[in-house]
Amino acid sequence: MIIRSLELETVCGITSKLPENMLPEIAFAGKSNVGKSSLINGLTNRKSFARISATPGKTQTINFYNINKELYLVDLPGYGYAKVSEKEKQKWGKMIERYLHSSKQLRAVFLLIDIRHDPSVNDKQMYDWILSQGYQPIIIATKLDKLKRSQTAKHIKAVRQGLGLGPDAVLIPFSAVTKQGRDEIWELAEELCGLKEELEA
């Protein structure tokens, strides 16, 4: 994917009306400190397009990034570490649920998991919940550069087992530093959005 244009087009808070987009959407979910902003910056080749915060849980909105006027990358609020009340977290949960149920253009949900650690209870709950909403989550195992190469296979296996992934479930290791996994993620996103056929036609 060559990024020709890039725009943070819509920011939706808890009470906002969700946009009725006409372009396909790919959503990203994950724990508050798992590296969603770093992933979006890595995918778009921008250093600070999606703001990276030292405070986990800073993304409290659903952010729609318009890429090349061809598709949207949708950044969902992080879960797990945010220092907010349970009531507030429930509101975010309802906001994400509303989005998953109402978007007519959502093609896939990518779930980010920190490759260094076994999936947490929150990660497993999120995975199962996305499944229950009718989507098969695609796993992105972030922070790959923090591991030695010899450790990678063991940690990938631990993520697969921790989430209870079937043999057909897609897991892509990703590093925001080396950009490993970037092309694979874009290739899959383009395919899911029906853009590959257009490019090859």
N, C-alpha and C. Protein backbone atom coordinates (compact mmCIF):
# COMPACT_ATOMS: atom_id res chain seq x y z
N MET A 1 0.86 -1.20 0.00
CA MET A 1 0.00 0.00 0.00
C MET A 1 0.89 1.24 0.00
N ILE A 2 0.78 2.05 -1.05
CA ILE A 2 1.48 3.33 -1.10
C ILE A 2 0.52 4.39 -0.58
N ILE A 3 0.93 5.10 0.48
CA ILE A 3 0.05 6.09 1.10
C ILE A 3 0.15 7.40 0.33
N ARG A 4 -0.92 7.74 -0.38
CA ARG A 4 -0.95 8.98 -1.15
C ARG A 4 -1.67 10.09 -0.39
N SER A 5 -2.68 9.71 0.38
CA SER A 5 -3.37 10.72 1.19
C SER A 5 -3.82 10.08 2.49
N LEU A 6 -3.90 10.91 3.52
CA LEU A 6 -4.13 10.41 4.87
C LEU A 6 -4.81 11.50 5.67
N GLU A 7 -5.93 11.14 6.30
CA GLU A 7 -6.67 12.17 7.05
C GLU A 7 -7.41 11.54 8.23
N LEU A 8 -7.24 12.17 9.40
CA LEU A 8 -8.08 11.79 10.53
C LEU A 8 -9.42 12.48 10.29
N GLU A 9 -10.36 11.71 9.77
CA GLU A 9 -11.59 12.31 9.23
C GLU A 9 -12.68 12.50 10.29
N THR A 10 -12.86 11.49 11.16
CA THR A 10 -13.95 11.54 12.14
C THR A 10 -13.46 11.04 13.49
N VAL A 11 -13.83 11.75 14.55
CA VAL A 11 -13.53 11.33 15.92
C VAL A 11 -14.86 11.23 16.65
N CYS A 12 -15.18 10.02 17.13
CA CYS A 12 -16.48 9.79 17.78
C CYS A 12 -16.31 9.54 19.26
N GLY A 13 -16.97 10.34 20.07
CA GLY A 13 -17.00 10.12 21.51
C GLY A 13 -18.19 9.25 21.89
N ILE A 14 -18.38 9.11 23.20
CA ILE A 14 -19.41 8.20 23.70
C ILE A 14 -20.81 8.57 23.19
N THR A 15 -21.07 9.86 23.07
CA THR A 15 -22.43 10.27 22.66
C THR A 15 -22.52 10.62 21.17
N SER A 16 -21.40 10.49 20.46
CA SER A 16 -21.40 10.89 19.04
C SER A 16 -22.19 9.92 18.18
N LYS A 17 -22.72 10.47 17.10
CA LYS A 17 -23.35 9.62 16.08
C LYS A 17 -22.23 9.05 15.22
N LEU A 18 -22.29 7.75 15.00
CA LEU A 18 -21.25 7.13 14.17
C LEU A 18 -21.44 7.49 12.71
N PRO A 19 -20.34 7.68 11.97
CA PRO A 19 -20.48 8.07 10.56
C PRO A 19 -21.01 6.92 9.71
N GLU A 20 -21.73 7.25 8.66
CA GLU A 20 -22.19 6.23 7.71
C GLU A 20 -21.24 6.29 6.50
N ASN A 21 -20.10 5.67 6.67
CA ASN A 21 -19.07 5.72 5.63
C ASN A 21 -19.45 4.85 4.43
N MET A 22 -18.95 5.25 3.28
CA MET A 22 -19.20 4.49 2.06
C MET A 22 -18.00 3.61 1.69
N LEU A 23 -16.86 3.83 2.37
CA LEU A 23 -15.65 3.06 2.07
C LEU A 23 -15.49 1.93 3.08
N PRO A 24 -14.81 0.84 2.71
CA PRO A 24 -14.61 -0.27 3.65
C PRO A 24 -13.78 0.16 4.86
N GLU A 25 -14.02 -0.52 5.99
CA GLU A 25 -13.35 -0.18 7.24
C GLU A 25 -12.63 -1.41 7.81
N ILE A 26 -11.45 -1.17 8.37
CA ILE A 26 -10.68 -2.18 9.10
C ILE A 26 -10.49 -1.61 10.51
N ALA A 27 -10.92 -2.35 11.53
CA ALA A 27 -10.84 -1.83 12.90
C ALA A 27 -9.69 -2.48 13.67
N PHE A 28 -9.12 -1.71 14.61
CA PHE A 28 -8.04 -2.19 15.46
C PHE A 28 -8.46 -2.09 16.92
N ALA A 29 -8.40 -3.23 17.62
CA ALA A 29 -8.73 -3.26 19.05
C ALA A 29 -7.49 -3.76 19.80
N GLY A 30 -7.40 -3.43 21.08
CA GLY A 30 -6.27 -3.92 21.86
C GLY A 30 -6.17 -3.22 23.19
N LYS A 31 -5.36 -3.79 24.06
CA LYS A 31 -5.14 -3.23 25.38
C LYS A 31 -4.55 -1.83 25.26
N SER A 32 -4.72 -1.03 26.29
CA SER A 32 -4.36 0.38 26.22
C SER A 32 -2.89 0.63 25.90
N ASN A 33 -1.99 -0.27 26.30
CA ASN A 33 -0.56 -0.02 26.07
C ASN A 33 0.06 -1.00 25.09
N VAL A 34 -0.77 -1.53 24.18
CA VAL A 34 -0.29 -2.60 23.30
C VAL A 34 0.38 -2.06 22.04
N GLY A 35 0.24 -0.75 21.77
CA GLY A 35 0.92 -0.16 20.62
C GLY A 35 0.04 0.09 19.41
N LYS A 36 -1.25 0.43 19.65
CA LYS A 36 -2.15 0.68 18.50
C LYS A 36 -1.72 1.92 17.72
N SER A 37 -1.37 2.99 18.46
CA SER A 37 -0.95 4.22 17.77
C SER A 37 0.35 3.97 17.00
N SER A 38 1.28 3.22 17.59
CA SER A 38 2.55 2.91 16.90
C SER A 38 2.28 2.08 15.65
N LEU A 39 1.31 1.17 15.73
CA LEU A 39 0.95 0.36 14.57
C LEU A 39 0.40 1.24 13.45
N ILE A 40 -0.54 2.12 13.79
CA ILE A 40 -1.14 3.00 12.77
C ILE A 40 -0.07 3.90 12.16
N ASN A 41 0.83 4.44 13.00
CA ASN A 41 1.92 5.25 12.47
C ASN A 41 2.83 4.43 11.56
N GLY A 42 3.08 3.16 11.95
CA GLY A 42 3.91 2.28 11.14
C GLY A 42 3.25 1.94 9.81
N LEU A 43 1.95 1.68 9.84
CA LEU A 43 1.22 1.34 8.62
C LEU A 43 1.16 2.52 7.66
N THR A 44 1.08 3.73 8.22
CA THR A 44 0.92 4.92 7.37
C THR A 44 2.24 5.64 7.09
N ASN A 45 3.34 5.06 7.60
CA ASN A 45 4.67 5.68 7.42
C ASN A 45 4.74 7.11 7.96
N ARG A 46 4.07 7.34 9.06
CA ARG A 46 4.14 8.65 9.72
C ARG A 46 4.67 8.45 11.14
N LYS A 47 5.46 9.42 11.60
CA LYS A 47 6.05 9.25 12.93
C LYS A 47 5.05 9.53 14.03
N SER A 48 4.21 10.53 13.86
CA SER A 48 3.33 10.89 14.98
C SER A 48 1.94 11.26 14.49
N PHE A 49 1.45 10.53 13.48
CA PHE A 49 0.11 10.82 12.97
C PHE A 49 -0.93 10.44 14.02
N ALA A 50 -0.85 9.19 14.48
CA ALA A 50 -1.70 8.79 15.61
C ALA A 50 -0.90 9.10 16.87
N ARG A 51 -1.46 9.89 17.76
CA ARG A 51 -0.71 10.35 18.93
C ARG A 51 -0.43 9.21 19.90
N ILE A 52 0.85 9.07 20.26
CA ILE A 52 1.26 8.05 21.22
C ILE A 52 1.37 8.73 22.58
N SER A 53 0.67 8.19 23.54
CA SER A 53 0.65 8.81 24.87
C SER A 53 1.42 7.96 25.87
N ALA A 54 2.05 8.64 26.82
CA ALA A 54 2.73 7.92 27.91
C ALA A 54 1.70 7.38 28.90
N THR A 55 0.48 7.90 28.80
CA THR A 55 -0.58 7.45 29.71
C THR A 55 -1.47 6.45 28.99
N PRO A 56 -1.41 5.17 29.38
CA PRO A 56 -2.28 4.18 28.72
C PRO A 56 -3.75 4.56 28.87
N GLY A 57 -4.53 4.24 27.85
CA GLY A 57 -5.97 4.51 27.91
C GLY A 57 -6.35 5.90 27.48
N LYS A 58 -5.42 6.56 26.78
CA LYS A 58 -5.69 7.95 26.37
C LYS A 58 -6.73 8.00 25.25
N THR A 59 -6.74 6.97 24.39
CA THR A 59 -7.72 6.96 23.30
C THR A 59 -9.09 6.60 23.87
N GLN A 60 -9.94 7.60 24.00
CA GLN A 60 -11.28 7.38 24.55
C GLN A 60 -12.33 7.63 23.48
N THR A 61 -11.89 7.63 22.26
CA THR A 61 -12.79 7.89 21.13
C THR A 61 -12.55 6.82 20.07
N ILE A 62 -13.48 6.74 19.12
CA ILE A 62 -13.25 5.91 17.93
C ILE A 62 -12.76 6.86 16.84
N ASN A 63 -11.56 6.60 16.34
CA ASN A 63 -10.94 7.49 15.36
C ASN A 63 -10.94 6.83 13.98
N PHE A 64 -11.44 7.56 12.99
CA PHE A 64 -11.53 7.05 11.62
C PHE A 64 -10.47 7.75 10.76
N TYR A 65 -9.50 6.96 10.30
CA TYR A 65 -8.43 7.48 9.45
C TYR A 65 -8.72 7.10 8.00
N ASN A 66 -8.88 8.11 7.15
CA ASN A 66 -9.16 7.88 5.73
C ASN A 66 -7.84 7.72 4.98
N ILE A 67 -7.65 6.55 4.38
CA ILE A 67 -6.41 6.23 3.66
C ILE A 67 -6.68 6.24 2.17
N ASN A 68 -6.03 7.17 1.46
CA ASN A 68 -6.10 7.24 -0.01
C ASN A 68 -7.52 7.37 -0.55
N LYS A 69 -8.46 7.77 0.31
CA LYS A 69 -9.87 7.83 -0.09
C LYS A 69 -10.34 6.46 -0.61
N GLU A 70 -9.73 5.38 -0.06
CA GLU A 70 -10.06 4.02 -0.49
C GLU A 70 -10.59 3.17 0.66
N LEU A 71 -10.10 3.44 1.87
CA LEU A 71 -10.54 2.67 3.03
C LEU A 71 -10.29 3.45 4.31
N TYR A 72 -10.90 2.97 5.41
CA TYR A 72 -10.68 3.57 6.72
C TYR A 72 -9.96 2.60 7.64
N LEU A 73 -8.96 3.11 8.38
CA LEU A 73 -8.44 2.41 9.54
C LEU A 73 -9.17 2.99 10.74
N VAL A 74 -9.77 2.12 11.54
CA VAL A 74 -10.60 2.58 12.66
C VAL A 74 -9.94 2.16 13.96
N ASP A 75 -9.54 3.16 14.76
CA ASP A 75 -8.85 2.93 16.03
C ASP A 75 -9.88 2.93 17.15
N LEU A 76 -10.08 1.76 17.78
CA LEU A 76 -11.06 1.63 18.86
C LEU A 76 -10.41 1.93 20.21
N PRO A 77 -11.18 2.39 21.21
CA PRO A 77 -10.59 2.70 22.52
C PRO A 77 -9.89 1.49 23.12
N GLY A 78 -8.75 1.73 23.77
CA GLY A 78 -8.01 0.65 24.42
C GLY A 78 -8.72 0.17 25.67
N TYR A 79 -8.39 -1.03 26.09
CA TYR A 79 -9.01 -1.58 27.30
C TYR A 79 -7.92 -2.05 28.26
N GLY A 80 -8.28 -2.24 29.52
CA GLY A 80 -7.37 -2.89 30.45
C GLY A 80 -6.71 -1.97 31.46
N TYR A 81 -5.83 -1.07 30.97
CA TYR A 81 -5.01 -0.33 31.92
C TYR A 81 -5.51 1.08 32.24
N ALA A 82 -6.48 1.53 31.51
CA ALA A 82 -6.90 2.92 31.67
C ALA A 82 -7.38 3.21 33.09
N LYS A 83 -6.89 4.33 33.61
CA LYS A 83 -7.27 4.69 34.98
C LYS A 83 -8.59 5.45 34.96
N VAL A 84 -9.64 4.73 34.66
CA VAL A 84 -10.97 5.34 34.64
C VAL A 84 -11.91 4.43 35.42
N SER A 85 -13.07 4.96 35.73
CA SER A 85 -14.03 4.20 36.53
C SER A 85 -14.62 3.05 35.70
N GLU A 86 -15.16 2.07 36.40
CA GLU A 86 -15.83 0.95 35.73
C GLU A 86 -16.98 1.44 34.87
N LYS A 87 -17.66 2.46 35.38
CA LYS A 87 -18.81 3.03 34.65
C LYS A 87 -18.35 3.57 33.30
N GLU A 88 -17.19 4.26 33.34
CA GLU A 88 -16.63 4.83 32.11
C GLU A 88 -16.24 3.72 31.14
N LYS A 89 -15.60 2.67 31.67
CA LYS A 89 -15.19 1.53 30.83
C LYS A 89 -16.40 0.88 30.16
N GLN A 90 -17.49 0.77 30.94
CA GLN A 90 -18.71 0.17 30.37
C GLN A 90 -19.24 1.01 29.22
N LYS A 91 -19.12 2.34 29.37
CA LYS A 91 -19.56 3.24 28.28
C LYS A 91 -18.73 3.00 27.03
N TRP A 92 -17.40 2.84 27.22
CA TRP A 92 -16.55 2.57 26.05
C TRP A 92 -16.94 1.25 25.41
N GLY A 93 -17.20 0.24 26.26
CA GLY A 93 -17.61 -1.08 25.76
C GLY A 93 -18.87 -0.97 24.92
N LYS A 94 -19.82 -0.20 25.42
CA LYS A 94 -21.08 -0.02 24.68
C LYS A 94 -20.83 0.72 23.36
N MET A 95 -19.89 1.68 23.40
CA MET A 95 -19.56 2.45 22.19
C MET A 95 -18.96 1.52 21.13
N ILE A 96 -18.04 0.63 21.56
CA ILE A 96 -17.42 -0.32 20.62
C ILE A 96 -18.49 -1.28 20.08
N GLU A 97 -19.35 -1.75 20.98
CA GLU A 97 -20.41 -2.68 20.58
C GLU A 97 -21.34 -2.02 19.56
N ARG A 98 -21.67 -0.77 19.82
CA ARG A 98 -22.55 -0.02 18.91
C ARG A 98 -21.89 0.07 17.52
N TYR A 99 -20.58 0.32 17.53
CA TYR A 99 -19.86 0.43 16.26
C TYR A 99 -19.87 -0.92 15.52
N LEU A 100 -19.53 -2.00 16.23
CA LEU A 100 -19.48 -3.33 15.59
C LEU A 100 -20.84 -3.73 15.02
N HIS A 101 -21.89 -3.33 15.72
CA HIS A 101 -23.24 -3.71 15.29
C HIS A 101 -23.77 -2.83 14.15
N SER A 102 -23.35 -1.56 14.16
CA SER A 102 -24.01 -0.63 13.22
C SER A 102 -23.21 -0.36 11.94
N SER A 103 -21.89 -0.63 11.96
CA SER A 103 -21.11 -0.33 10.77
C SER A 103 -21.49 -1.28 9.63
N LYS A 104 -21.83 -0.68 8.50
CA LYS A 104 -22.18 -1.50 7.33
C LYS A 104 -20.93 -1.79 6.50
N GLN A 105 -19.82 -1.12 6.84
CA GLN A 105 -18.62 -1.22 6.00
C GLN A 105 -17.48 -1.98 6.68
N LEU A 106 -17.67 -2.41 7.92
CA LEU A 106 -16.58 -3.08 8.64
C LEU A 106 -16.27 -4.43 8.00
N ARG A 107 -15.03 -4.60 7.58
CA ARG A 107 -14.62 -5.84 6.90
C ARG A 107 -13.90 -6.81 7.84
N ALA A 108 -13.18 -6.27 8.85
CA ALA A 108 -12.43 -7.14 9.75
C ALA A 108 -12.01 -6.37 11.00
N VAL A 109 -11.80 -7.14 12.08
CA VAL A 109 -11.27 -6.57 13.32
C VAL A 109 -9.91 -7.21 13.59
N PHE A 110 -8.88 -6.37 13.67
CA PHE A 110 -7.55 -6.83 14.04
C PHE A 110 -7.40 -6.62 15.55
N LEU A 111 -7.03 -7.68 16.26
CA LEU A 111 -6.84 -7.59 17.71
C LEU A 111 -5.34 -7.63 18.01
N LEU A 112 -4.85 -6.58 18.69
CA LEU A 112 -3.43 -6.48 19.00
C LEU A 112 -3.13 -7.12 20.35
N ILE A 113 -2.11 -7.95 20.38
CA ILE A 113 -1.66 -8.62 21.59
C ILE A 113 -0.15 -8.40 21.73
N ASP A 114 0.33 -8.05 22.91
CA ASP A 114 1.76 -7.88 23.16
C ASP A 114 2.42 -9.26 23.13
N ILE A 115 3.30 -9.47 22.16
CA ILE A 115 3.89 -10.80 21.95
C ILE A 115 4.75 -11.25 23.14
N ARG A 116 5.19 -10.31 23.97
CA ARG A 116 6.11 -10.66 25.06
C ARG A 116 5.41 -11.39 26.21
N HIS A 117 4.09 -11.22 26.30
CA HIS A 117 3.36 -11.75 27.46
C HIS A 117 2.25 -12.70 27.01
N ASP A 118 1.93 -13.65 27.87
CA ASP A 118 0.75 -14.48 27.61
C ASP A 118 -0.48 -13.58 27.58
N PRO A 119 -1.46 -13.87 26.72
CA PRO A 119 -2.68 -13.05 26.69
C PRO A 119 -3.32 -12.96 28.07
N SER A 120 -3.76 -11.75 28.42
CA SER A 120 -4.39 -11.53 29.73
C SER A 120 -5.85 -11.97 29.68
N VAL A 121 -6.47 -11.96 30.85
CA VAL A 121 -7.91 -12.26 30.93
C VAL A 121 -8.68 -11.28 30.04
N ASN A 122 -8.28 -10.00 30.08
CA ASN A 122 -8.93 -8.98 29.25
C ASN A 122 -8.79 -9.29 27.76
N ASP A 123 -7.58 -9.73 27.37
CA ASP A 123 -7.34 -10.07 25.95
C ASP A 123 -8.26 -11.21 25.51
N LYS A 124 -8.32 -12.24 26.35
CA LYS A 124 -9.14 -13.42 26.03
C LYS A 124 -10.62 -13.03 25.95
N GLN A 125 -11.06 -12.18 26.90
CA GLN A 125 -12.46 -11.73 26.90
C GLN A 125 -12.76 -10.95 25.63
N MET A 126 -11.81 -10.09 25.24
CA MET A 126 -12.01 -9.27 24.03
C MET A 126 -12.06 -10.15 22.79
N TYR A 127 -11.16 -11.14 22.73
CA TYR A 127 -11.15 -12.07 21.60
C TYR A 127 -12.49 -12.80 21.50
N ASP A 128 -12.93 -13.36 22.62
CA ASP A 128 -14.20 -14.11 22.63
C ASP A 128 -15.38 -13.20 22.31
N TRP A 129 -15.31 -11.96 22.79
CA TRP A 129 -16.41 -11.02 22.58
C TRP A 129 -16.51 -10.62 21.10
N ILE A 130 -15.34 -10.38 20.47
CA ILE A 130 -15.35 -10.04 19.03
C ILE A 130 -15.93 -11.21 18.24
N LEU A 131 -15.53 -12.44 18.62
CA LEU A 131 -16.09 -13.63 17.98
C LEU A 131 -17.61 -13.65 18.10
N SER A 132 -18.10 -13.33 19.32
CA SER A 132 -19.54 -13.38 19.58
C SER A 132 -20.30 -12.31 18.79
N GLN A 133 -19.57 -11.26 18.34
CA GLN A 133 -20.20 -10.20 17.55
C GLN A 133 -20.24 -10.57 16.06
N GLY A 134 -19.69 -11.76 15.75
CA GLY A 134 -19.77 -12.23 14.36
C GLY A 134 -18.52 -11.99 13.53
N TYR A 135 -17.42 -11.58 14.18
CA TYR A 135 -16.17 -11.34 13.45
C TYR A 135 -15.11 -12.33 13.91
N GLN A 136 -14.28 -12.77 12.98
CA GLN A 136 -13.14 -13.64 13.31
C GLN A 136 -11.93 -12.73 13.46
N PRO A 137 -11.48 -12.46 14.70
CA PRO A 137 -10.39 -11.49 14.86
C PRO A 137 -9.09 -11.98 14.21
N ILE A 138 -8.38 -11.05 13.58
CA ILE A 138 -7.05 -11.33 13.05
C ILE A 138 -6.07 -10.80 14.10
N ILE A 139 -5.15 -11.64 14.54
CA ILE A 139 -4.27 -11.25 15.64
C ILE A 139 -2.99 -10.60 15.11
N ILE A 140 -2.67 -9.43 15.66
CA ILE A 140 -1.37 -8.80 15.41
C ILE A 140 -0.59 -8.88 16.71
N ALA A 141 0.54 -9.60 16.69
CA ALA A 141 1.38 -9.74 17.88
C ALA A 141 2.43 -8.63 17.84
N THR A 142 2.21 -7.59 18.65
CA THR A 142 3.05 -6.37 18.58
C THR A 142 4.33 -6.51 19.41
N LYS A 143 5.22 -5.51 19.22
CA LYS A 143 6.46 -5.38 20.00
C LYS A 143 7.43 -6.54 19.74
N LEU A 144 7.41 -7.01 18.50
CA LEU A 144 8.26 -8.13 18.10
C LEU A 144 9.75 -7.82 18.32
N ASP A 145 10.13 -6.55 18.11
CA ASP A 145 11.54 -6.17 18.24
C ASP A 145 12.06 -6.29 19.67
N LYS A 146 11.17 -6.42 20.64
CA LYS A 146 11.59 -6.55 22.05
C LYS A 146 12.04 -7.98 22.37
N LEU A 147 11.82 -8.91 21.43
CA LEU A 147 12.21 -10.30 21.65
C LEU A 147 13.46 -10.64 20.86
N LYS A 148 14.23 -11.60 21.36
CA LYS A 148 15.30 -12.17 20.54
C LYS A 148 14.63 -13.06 19.50
N ARG A 149 15.26 -13.16 18.34
CA ARG A 149 14.67 -13.95 17.26
C ARG A 149 14.41 -15.39 17.69
N SER A 150 15.31 -15.92 18.51
CA SER A 150 15.18 -17.32 18.95
C SER A 150 13.96 -17.53 19.86
N GLN A 151 13.42 -16.43 20.41
CA GLN A 151 12.27 -16.55 21.32
C GLN A 151 10.93 -16.45 20.60
N THR A 152 10.96 -15.99 19.35
CA THR A 152 9.72 -15.64 18.65
C THR A 152 8.73 -16.79 18.56
N ALA A 153 9.20 -17.95 18.09
CA ALA A 153 8.28 -19.09 17.87
C ALA A 153 7.59 -19.49 19.17
N LYS A 154 8.33 -19.50 20.28
CA LYS A 154 7.77 -19.88 21.57
C LYS A 154 6.67 -18.91 22.00
N HIS A 155 6.92 -17.61 21.78
CA HIS A 155 5.95 -16.59 22.20
C HIS A 155 4.71 -16.60 21.29
N ILE A 156 4.90 -16.85 20.01
CA ILE A 156 3.76 -16.95 19.09
C ILE A 156 2.86 -18.11 19.53
N LYS A 157 3.50 -19.23 19.87
CA LYS A 157 2.76 -20.41 20.33
C LYS A 157 1.97 -20.08 21.60
N ALA A 158 2.60 -19.32 22.52
CA ALA A 158 1.94 -18.95 23.79
C ALA A 158 0.72 -18.06 23.53
N VAL A 159 0.83 -17.13 22.57
CA VAL A 159 -0.32 -16.27 22.23
C VAL A 159 -1.44 -17.12 21.63
N ARG A 160 -1.09 -18.01 20.72
CA ARG A 160 -2.10 -18.88 20.10
C ARG A 160 -2.82 -19.73 21.15
N GLN A 161 -2.04 -20.31 22.05
CA GLN A 161 -2.65 -21.16 23.09
C GLN A 161 -3.46 -20.34 24.07
N GLY A 162 -2.93 -19.17 24.45
CA GLY A 162 -3.61 -18.32 25.43
C GLY A 162 -4.97 -17.84 24.96
N LEU A 163 -5.09 -17.60 23.64
CA LEU A 163 -6.37 -17.14 23.09
C LEU A 163 -7.25 -18.31 22.63
N GLY A 164 -6.64 -19.50 22.57
CA GLY A 164 -7.40 -20.65 22.08
C GLY A 164 -7.63 -20.57 20.59
N LEU A 165 -6.60 -20.12 19.84
CA LEU A 165 -6.76 -19.96 18.39
C LEU A 165 -6.76 -21.31 17.69
N GLY A 166 -7.60 -21.43 16.69
CA GLY A 166 -7.61 -22.62 15.85
C GLY A 166 -6.44 -22.56 14.88
N PRO A 167 -6.15 -23.67 14.21
CA PRO A 167 -5.00 -23.71 13.28
C PRO A 167 -5.15 -22.74 12.10
N ASP A 168 -6.39 -22.39 11.76
CA ASP A 168 -6.62 -21.49 10.61
C ASP A 168 -6.59 -20.01 10.99
N ALA A 169 -6.55 -19.72 12.29
CA ALA A 169 -6.57 -18.30 12.72
C ALA A 169 -5.29 -17.61 12.28
N VAL A 170 -5.45 -16.38 11.78
CA VAL A 170 -4.29 -15.62 11.27
C VAL A 170 -3.63 -14.86 12.41
N LEU A 171 -2.31 -15.00 12.54
CA LEU A 171 -1.53 -14.24 13.52
C LEU A 171 -0.34 -13.64 12.80
N ILE A 172 -0.20 -12.32 12.88
CA ILE A 172 0.90 -11.62 12.20
C ILE A 172 1.79 -10.95 13.24
N PRO A 173 3.05 -11.40 13.38
CA PRO A 173 3.98 -10.69 14.28
C PRO A 173 4.34 -9.33 13.66
N PHE A 174 4.40 -8.28 14.51
CA PHE A 174 4.63 -6.93 13.99
C PHE A 174 5.60 -6.17 14.88
N SER A 175 6.46 -5.39 14.24
CA SER A 175 7.35 -4.48 14.96
C SER A 175 7.21 -3.07 14.39
N ALA A 176 6.90 -2.12 15.27
CA ALA A 176 6.81 -0.72 14.83
C ALA A 176 8.20 -0.16 14.54
N VAL A 177 9.24 -0.81 15.07
CA VAL A 177 10.62 -0.34 14.89
C VAL A 177 11.17 -0.80 13.55
N THR A 178 11.08 -2.12 13.28
CA THR A 178 11.64 -2.67 12.04
C THR A 178 10.63 -2.69 10.90
N LYS A 179 9.36 -2.49 11.23
CA LYS A 179 8.24 -2.54 10.27
C LYS A 179 7.95 -3.97 9.79
N GLN A 180 8.56 -4.98 10.44
CA GLN A 180 8.22 -6.36 10.07
C GLN A 180 6.73 -6.60 10.30
N GLY A 181 6.08 -7.20 9.32
CA GLY A 181 4.64 -7.47 9.41
C GLY A 181 3.80 -6.41 8.72
N ARG A 182 4.38 -5.25 8.43
CA ARG A 182 3.61 -4.15 7.83
C ARG A 182 3.00 -4.56 6.49
N ASP A 183 3.84 -5.10 5.60
CA ASP A 183 3.35 -5.45 4.26
C ASP A 183 2.28 -6.54 4.34
N GLU A 184 2.48 -7.47 5.26
CA GLU A 184 1.52 -8.57 5.41
C GLU A 184 0.16 -8.04 5.87
N ILE A 185 0.19 -7.09 6.80
CA ILE A 185 -1.07 -6.50 7.31
C ILE A 185 -1.78 -5.76 6.18
N TRP A 186 -1.01 -4.97 5.42
CA TRP A 186 -1.63 -4.21 4.32
C TRP A 186 -2.20 -5.14 3.25
N GLU A 187 -1.45 -6.19 2.94
CA GLU A 187 -1.90 -7.13 1.91
C GLU A 187 -3.24 -7.74 2.30
N LEU A 188 -3.34 -8.14 3.58
CA LEU A 188 -4.57 -8.73 4.08
C LEU A 188 -5.70 -7.70 4.09
N ALA A 189 -5.39 -6.47 4.53
CA ALA A 189 -6.40 -5.41 4.59
C ALA A 189 -6.94 -5.09 3.20
N GLU A 190 -6.05 -5.01 2.22
CA GLU A 190 -6.46 -4.71 0.84
C GLU A 190 -7.35 -5.83 0.30
N GLU A 191 -6.96 -7.05 0.61
CA GLU A 191 -7.74 -8.21 0.16
C GLU A 191 -9.14 -8.18 0.78
N LEU A 192 -9.19 -7.94 2.10
CA LEU A 192 -10.47 -7.92 2.81
C LEU A 192 -11.38 -6.79 2.32
N CYS A 193 -10.76 -5.69 1.89
CA CYS A 193 -11.53 -4.53 1.43
C CYS A 193 -11.84 -4.59 -0.06
N GLY A 194 -11.40 -5.67 -0.71
CA GLY A 194 -11.68 -5.80 -2.14
C GLY A 194 -10.83 -4.90 -3.01
N LEU A 195 -9.72 -4.39 -2.47
CA LEU A 195 -8.89 -3.46 -3.23
C LEU A 195 -7.89 -4.21 -4.12
N LYS A 196 -7.52 -5.43 -3.74
CA LYS A 196 -6.52 -6.17 -4.52
C LYS A 196 -7.06 -6.48 -5.91
N GLU A 197 -8.34 -6.87 -5.96
CA GLU A 197 -8.94 -7.19 -7.25
C GLU A 197 -8.91 -5.97 -8.17
N GLU A 198 -9.20 -4.79 -7.53
CA GLU A 198 -9.22 -3.55 -8.33
C GLU A 198 -7.83 -3.26 -8.88
N LEU A 199 -6.80 -3.49 -8.02
CA LEU A 199 -5.44 -3.20 -8.45
C LEU A 199 -5.00 -4.14 -9.56
N GLU A 200 -5.46 -5.40 -9.47
CA GLU A 200 -5.02 -6.39 -10.45
C GLU A 200 -5.86 -6.34 -11.73
N ALA A 201 -7.05 -5.75 -11.64
CA ALA A 201 -7.95 -5.73 -12.80
C ALA A 201 -7.38 -4.86 -13.91
